Amino acid sequence: MLNNIGPMGLILIAVVVLVLFGRGKISSVMGEVGKGITSFKKGMNEEIENAKAESEETDKDKA
C-alpha cells in the first residue's frame, strides 16, 4: 500500500501536515519525541549496567 508513494506524494503529505498543525505544534511534538527517545536510551543503558553488575555479583558468589 505505501510502496507506491513517491517523492511528490511525500511532499504533499508534508504540506498537508504543516497546514493542519502549523510549524509551532510540529516542532514541539518533535521536541517531545526527542526527549522520549533520549529517556528510552538512558533507561536501556541503566538496565544494561544493572545486568552487568548482577552478573558480576553472581560470578563472585560462585567463586
PDB file of N, CA and C in Angstrom:
ATOM      1  N   MET A   1       0.830  -1.187   0.000  1.00  0.00           N
ATOM      2  CA  MET A   1       0.000   0.000   0.000  1.00  0.00           C
ATOM      3  C   MET A   1       0.874   1.250   0.000  1.00  0.00           C
ATOM      4  N   LEU A   2       1.842   1.330   0.909  1.00  0.00           N
ATOM      5  CA  LEU A   2       2.700   2.507   0.981  1.00  0.00           C
ATOM      6  C   LEU A   2       3.892   2.409   0.041  1.00  0.00           C
ATOM      7  N   ASN A   3       4.012   1.313  -0.679  1.00  0.00           N
ATOM      8  CA  ASN A   3       5.137   1.139  -1.590  1.00  0.00           C
ATOM      9  C   ASN A   3       5.056   2.074  -2.787  1.00  0.00           C
ATOM     10  N   ASN A   4       3.868   2.571  -3.110  1.00  0.00           N
ATOM     11  CA  ASN A   4       3.677   3.384  -4.303  1.00  0.00           C
ATOM     12  C   ASN A   4       3.789   4.877  -4.041  1.00  0.00           C
ATOM     13  N   ILE A   5       4.132   5.285  -2.831  1.00  0.00           N
ATOM     14  CA  ILE A   5       4.253   6.707  -2.532  1.00  0.00           C
ATOM     15  C   ILE A   5       5.620   7.179  -3.015  1.00  0.00           C
ATOM     16  N   GLY A   6       5.606   8.140  -3.929  1.00  0.00           N
ATOM     17  CA  GLY A   6       6.850   8.683  -4.464  1.00  0.00           C
ATOM     18  C   GLY A   6       7.225   9.968  -3.760  1.00  0.00           C
ATOM     19  N   PRO A   7       8.242  10.636  -4.272  1.00  0.00           N
ATOM     20  CA  PRO A   7       8.686  11.894  -3.656  1.00  0.00           C
ATOM     21  C   PRO A   7       7.592  12.968  -3.644  1.00  0.00           C
ATOM     22  N   MET A   8       6.828  13.048  -4.713  1.00  0.00           N
ATOM     23  CA  MET A   8       5.755  14.053  -4.761  1.00  0.00           C
ATOM     24  C   MET A   8       4.674  13.744  -3.729  1.00  0.00           C
ATOM     25  N   GLY A   9       4.384  12.490  -3.525  1.00  0.00           N
ATOM     26  CA  GLY A   9       3.407  12.105  -2.514  1.00  0.00           C
ATOM     27  C   GLY A   9       3.867  12.469  -1.119  1.00  0.00           C
ATOM     28  N   LEU A  10       5.152  12.257  -0.844  1.00  0.00           N
ATOM     29  CA  LEU A  10       5.702  12.616   0.463  1.00  0.00           C
ATOM     30  C   LEU A  10       5.672  14.126   0.679  1.00  0.00           C
ATOM     31  N   ILE A  11       5.979  14.878  -0.370  1.00  0.00           N
ATOM     32  CA  ILE A  11       5.924  16.341  -0.263  1.00  0.00           C
ATOM     33  C   ILE A  11       4.499  16.793   0.000  1.00  0.00           C
ATOM     34  N   LEU A  12       3.539  16.200  -0.687  1.00  0.00           N
ATOM     35  CA  LEU A  12       2.134  16.552  -0.481  1.00  0.00           C
ATOM     36  C   LEU A  12       1.698  16.240   0.947  1.00  0.00           C
ATOM     37  N   ILE A  13       2.090  15.098   1.460  1.00  0.00           N
ATOM     38  CA  ILE A  13       1.750  14.732   2.839  1.00  0.00           C
ATOM     39  C   ILE A  13       2.374  15.719   3.815  1.00  0.00           C
ATOM     40  N   ALA A  14       3.633  16.096   3.582  1.00  0.00           N
ATOM     41  CA  ALA A  14       4.308  17.053   4.460  1.00  0.00           C
ATOM     42  C   ALA A  14       3.602  18.402   4.453  1.00  0.00           C
ATOM     43  N   VAL A  15       3.162  18.854   3.282  1.00  0.00           N
ATOM     44  CA  VAL A  15       2.459  20.141   3.186  1.00  0.00           C
ATOM     45  C   VAL A  15       1.135  20.078   3.928  1.00  0.00           C
ATOM     46  N   VAL A  16       0.405  18.993   3.774  1.00  0.00           N
ATOM     47  CA  VAL A  16      -0.889  18.854   4.458  1.00  0.00           C
ATOM     48  C   VAL A  16      -0.689  18.845   5.971  1.00  0.00           C
ATOM     49  N   VAL A  17       0.303  18.122   6.457  1.00  0.00           N
ATOM     50  CA  VAL A  17       0.581  18.084   7.896  1.00  0.00           C
ATOM     51  C   VAL A  17       0.967  19.465   8.393  1.00  0.00           C
ATOM     52  N   LEU A  18       1.786  20.172   7.626  1.00  0.00           N
ATOM     53  CA  LEU A  18       2.211  21.517   8.008  1.00  0.00           C
ATOM     54  C   LEU A  18       1.025  22.468   8.077  1.00  0.00           C
ATOM     55  N   VAL A  19       0.107  22.362   7.129  1.00  0.00           N
ATOM     56  CA  VAL A  19      -1.077  23.227   7.129  1.00  0.00           C
ATOM     57  C   VAL A  19      -1.989  22.888   8.302  1.00  0.00           C
ATOM     58  N   LEU A  20      -2.169  21.611   8.585  1.00  0.00           N
ATOM     59  CA  LEU A  20      -3.079  21.205   9.656  1.00  0.00           C
ATOM     60  C   LEU A  20      -2.555  21.572  11.040  1.00  0.00           C
ATOM     61  N   PHE A  21      -1.283  21.347  11.282  1.00  0.00           N
ATOM     62  CA  PHE A  21      -0.748  21.517  12.628  1.00  0.00           C
ATOM     63  C   PHE A  21       0.047  22.796  12.825  1.00  0.00           C
ATOM     64  N   GLY A  22       0.616  23.339  11.789  1.00  0.00           N
ATOM     65  CA  GLY A  22       1.428  24.545  11.924  1.00  0.00           C
ATOM     66  C   GLY A  22       2.838  24.216  12.370  1.00  0.00           C
ATOM     67  N   ARG A  23       3.742  25.158  12.140  1.00  0.00           N
ATOM     68  CA  ARG A  23       5.153  24.922  12.460  1.00  0.00           C
ATOM     69  C   ARG A  23       5.397  24.768  13.948  1.00  0.00           C
ATOM     70  N   GLY A  24       4.753  25.586  14.748  1.00  0.00           N
ATOM     71  CA  GLY A  24       4.993  25.557  16.191  1.00  0.00           C
ATOM     72  C   GLY A  24       4.610  24.236  16.819  1.00  0.00           C
ATOM     73  N   LYS A  25       3.459  23.725  16.452  1.00  0.00           N
ATOM     74  CA  LYS A  25       2.989  22.465  17.024  1.00  0.00           C
ATOM     75  C   LYS A  25       3.885  21.306  16.603  1.00  0.00           C
ATOM     76  N   ILE A  26       4.286  21.295  15.338  1.00  0.00           N
ATOM     77  CA  ILE A  26       5.139  20.214  14.852  1.00  0.00           C
ATOM     78  C   ILE A  26       6.482  20.228  15.572  1.00  0.00           C
ATOM     79  N   SER A  27       7.070  21.417  15.751  1.00  0.00           N
ATOM     80  CA  SER A  27       8.371  21.484  16.417  1.00  0.00           C
ATOM     81  C   SER A  27       8.269  21.058  17.877  1.00  0.00           C
ATOM     82  N   SER A  28       7.173  21.402  18.541  1.00  0.00           N
ATOM     83  CA  SER A  28       7.024  20.984  19.939  1.00  0.00           C
ATOM     84  C   SER A  28       6.822  19.471  20.039  1.00  0.00           C
ATOM     85  N   VAL A  29       6.083  18.906  19.109  1.00  0.00           N
ATOM     86  CA  VAL A  29       5.881  17.451  19.105  1.00  0.00           C
ATOM     87  C   VAL A  29       7.203  16.740  18.841  1.00  0.00           C
ATOM     88  N   MET A  30       7.982  17.242  17.892  1.00  0.00           N
ATOM     89  CA  MET A  30       9.266  16.616  17.590  1.00  0.00           C
ATOM     90  C   MET A  30      10.225  16.746  18.772  1.00  0.00           C
ATOM     91  N   GLY A  31      10.146  17.860  19.500  1.00  0.00           N
ATOM     92  CA  GLY A  31      10.965  18.018  20.703  1.00  0.00           C
ATOM     93  C   GLY A  31      10.604  16.989  21.753  1.00  0.00           C
ATOM     94  N   GLU A  32       9.317  16.748  21.928  1.00  0.00           N
ATOM     95  CA  GLU A  32       8.871  15.734  22.888  1.00  0.00           C
ATOM     96  C   GLU A  32       9.296  14.335  22.454  1.00  0.00           C
ATOM     97  N   VAL A  33       9.244  14.070  21.152  1.00  0.00           N
ATOM     98  CA  VAL A  33       9.693  12.773  20.644  1.00  0.00           C
ATOM     99  C   VAL A  33      11.181  12.591  20.932  1.00  0.00           C
ATOM    100  N   GLY A  34      11.960  13.640  20.716  1.00  0.00           N
ATOM    101  CA  GLY A  34      13.395  13.581  21.003  1.00  0.00           C
ATOM    102  C   GLY A  34      13.672  13.314  22.469  1.00  0.00           C
ATOM    103  N   LYS A  35      12.916  13.969  23.353  1.00  0.00           N
ATOM    104  CA  LYS A  35      13.086  13.738  24.791  1.00  0.00           C
ATOM    105  C   LYS A  35      12.733  12.296  25.151  1.00  0.00           C
ATOM    106  N   GLY A  36      11.694  11.778  24.524  1.00  0.00           N
ATOM    107  CA  GLY A  36      11.291  10.400  24.784  1.00  0.00           C
ATOM    108  C   GLY A  36      12.346   9.401  24.344  1.00  0.00           C
ATOM    109  N   ILE A  37      12.936   9.639  23.178  1.00  0.00           N
ATOM    110  CA  ILE A  37      13.984   8.750  22.682  1.00  0.00           C
ATOM    111  C   ILE A  37      15.196   8.793  23.603  1.00  0.00           C
ATOM    112  N   THR A  38      15.567  10.002  24.036  1.00  0.00           N
ATOM    113  CA  THR A  38      16.704  10.149  24.945  1.00  0.00           C
ATOM    114  C   THR A  38      16.452   9.422  26.255  1.00  0.00           C
ATOM    115  N   SER A  39      15.251   9.560  26.786  1.00  0.00           N
ATOM    116  CA  SER A  39      14.895   8.895  28.036  1.00  0.00           C
ATOM    117  C   SER A  39      14.919   7.375  27.870  1.00  0.00           C
ATOM    118  N   PHE A  40      14.429   6.894  26.741  1.00  0.00           N
ATOM    119  CA  PHE A  40      14.425   5.459  26.469  1.00  0.00           C
ATOM    120  C   PHE A  40      15.848   4.916  26.418  1.00  0.00           C
ATOM    121  N   LYS A  41      16.735   5.617  25.707  1.00  0.00           N
ATOM    122  CA  LYS A  41      18.125   5.176  25.610  1.00  0.00           C
ATOM    123  C   LYS A  41      18.797   5.175  26.977  1.00  0.00           C
ATOM    124  N   LYS A  42      18.514   6.200  27.784  1.00  0.00           N
ATOM    125  CA  LYS A  42      19.090   6.275  29.125  1.00  0.00           C
ATOM    126  C   LYS A  42      18.621   5.090  29.967  1.00  0.00           C
ATOM    127  N   GLY A  43      17.341   4.777  29.890  1.00  0.00           N
ATOM    128  CA  GLY A  43      16.801   3.638  30.628  1.00  0.00           C
ATOM    129  C   GLY A  43      17.412   2.322  30.180  1.00  0.00           C
ATOM    130  N   MET A  44      17.609   2.167  28.875  1.00  0.00           N
ATOM    131  CA  MET A  44      18.223   0.944  28.363  1.00  0.00           C
ATOM    132  C   MET A  44      19.657   0.812  28.864  1.00  0.00           C
ATOM    133  N   ASN A  45      20.408   1.910  28.852  1.00  0.00           N
ATOM    134  CA  ASN A  45      21.792   1.866  29.339  1.00  0.00           C
ATOM    135  C   ASN A  45      21.845   1.530  30.822  1.00  0.00           C
ATOM    136  N   GLU A  46      20.914   2.063  31.605  1.00  0.00           N
ATOM    137  CA  GLU A  46      20.865   1.748  33.034  1.00  0.00           C
ATOM    138  C   GLU A  46      20.575   0.269  33.252  1.00  0.00           C
ATOM    139  N   GLU A  47      19.668  -0.290  32.467  1.00  0.00           N
ATOM    140  CA  GLU A  47      19.341  -1.708  32.603  1.00  0.00           C
ATOM    141  C   GLU A  47      20.535  -2.584  32.240  1.00  0.00           C
ATOM    142  N   ILE A  48      21.271  -2.185  31.220  1.00  0.00           N
ATOM    143  CA  ILE A  48      22.458  -2.950  30.828  1.00  0.00           C
ATOM    144  C   ILE A  48      23.490  -2.924  31.949  1.00  0.00           C
ATOM    145  N   GLU A  49      23.693  -1.748  32.538  1.00  0.00           N
ATOM    146  CA  GLU A  49      24.647  -1.632  33.643  1.00  0.00           C
ATOM    147  C   GLU A  49      24.199  -2.464  34.845  1.00  0.00           C
ATOM    148  N   ASN A  50      22.896  -2.453  35.146  1.00  0.00           N
ATOM    149  CA  ASN A  50      22.379  -3.258  36.260  1.00  0.00           C
ATOM    150  C   ASN A  50      22.582  -4.746  36.000  1.00  0.00           C
ATOM    151  N   ALA A  51      22.345  -5.171  34.765  1.00  0.00           N
ATOM    152  CA  ALA A  51      22.522  -6.582  34.427  1.00  0.00           C
ATOM    153  C   ALA A  51      23.984  -6.988  34.553  1.00  0.00           C
ATOM    154  N   LYS A  52      24.893  -6.107  34.124  1.00  0.00           N
ATOM    155  CA  LYS A  52      26.323  -6.411  34.250  1.00  0.00           C
ATOM    156  C   LYS A  52      26.722  -6.523  35.714  1.00  0.00           C
ATOM    157  N   ALA A  53      26.217  -5.607  36.544  1.00  0.00           N
ATOM    158  CA  ALA A  53      26.549  -5.628  37.970  1.00  0.00           C
ATOM    159  C   ALA A  53      26.029  -6.904  38.623  1.00  0.00           C
ATOM    160  N   GLU A  54      24.813  -7.302  38.289  1.00  0.00           N
ATOM    161  CA  GLU A  54      24.248  -8.530  38.850  1.00  0.00           C
ATOM    162  C   GLU A  54      25.041  -9.745  38.390  1.00  0.00           C
ATOM    163  N   SER A  55      25.471  -9.735  37.144  1.00  0.00           N
ATOM    164  CA  SER A  55      26.255 -10.847  36.617  1.00  0.00           C
ATOM    165  C   SER A  55      27.593 -10.957  37.343  1.00  0.00           C
ATOM    166  N   GLU A  56      28.225  -9.813  37.595  1.00  0.00           N
ATOM    167  CA  GLU A  56      29.499  -9.820  38.313  1.00  0.00           C
ATOM    168  C   GLU A  56      29.315 -10.309  39.745  1.00  0.00           C
ATOM    169  N   GLU A  57      28.226  -9.920  40.399  1.00  0.00           N
ATOM    170  CA  GLU A  57      27.956 -10.376  41.764  1.00  0.00           C
ATOM    171  C   GLU A  57      27.729 -11.880  41.785  1.00  0.00           C
ATOM    172  N   THR A  58      27.017 -12.386  40.799  1.00  0.00           N
ATOM    173  CA  THR A  58      26.755 -13.817  40.718  1.00  0.00           C
ATOM    174  C   THR A  58      28.055 -14.584  40.503  1.00  0.00           C
ATOM    175  N   ASP A  59      28.922 -14.045  39.645  1.00  0.00           N
ATOM    176  CA  ASP A  59      30.214 -14.693  39.402  1.00  0.00           C
ATOM    177  C   ASP A  59      31.067 -14.707  40.665  1.00  0.00           C
ATOM    178  N   LYS A  60      31.037 -13.628  41.450  1.00  0.00           N
ATOM    179  CA  LYS A  60      31.810 -13.566  42.692  1.00  0.00           C
ATOM    180  C   LYS A  60      31.269 -14.559  43.715  1.00  0.00           C
ATOM    181  N   ASP A  61      29.941 -14.710  43.755  1.00  0.00           N
ATOM    182  CA  ASP A  61      29.335 -15.639  44.707  1.00  0.00           C
ATOM    183  C   ASP A  61      29.694 -17.086  44.371  1.00  0.00           C
ATOM    184  N   LYS A  62      29.806 -17.397  43.100  1.00  0.00           N
ATOM    185  CA  LYS A  62      30.138 -18.756  42.677  1.00  0.00           C
ATOM    186  C   LYS A  62      31.593 -19.089  42.969  1.00  0.00           C
ATOM    187  N   ALA A  63      32.443 -18.084  42.979  1.00  0.00           N
ATOM    188  CA  ALA A  63      33.894 -18.326  43.163  1.00  0.00           C
ATOM    189  C   ALA A  63      34.264 -18.535  44.591  1.00  0.00           C
TER     190      ALA A  63
END
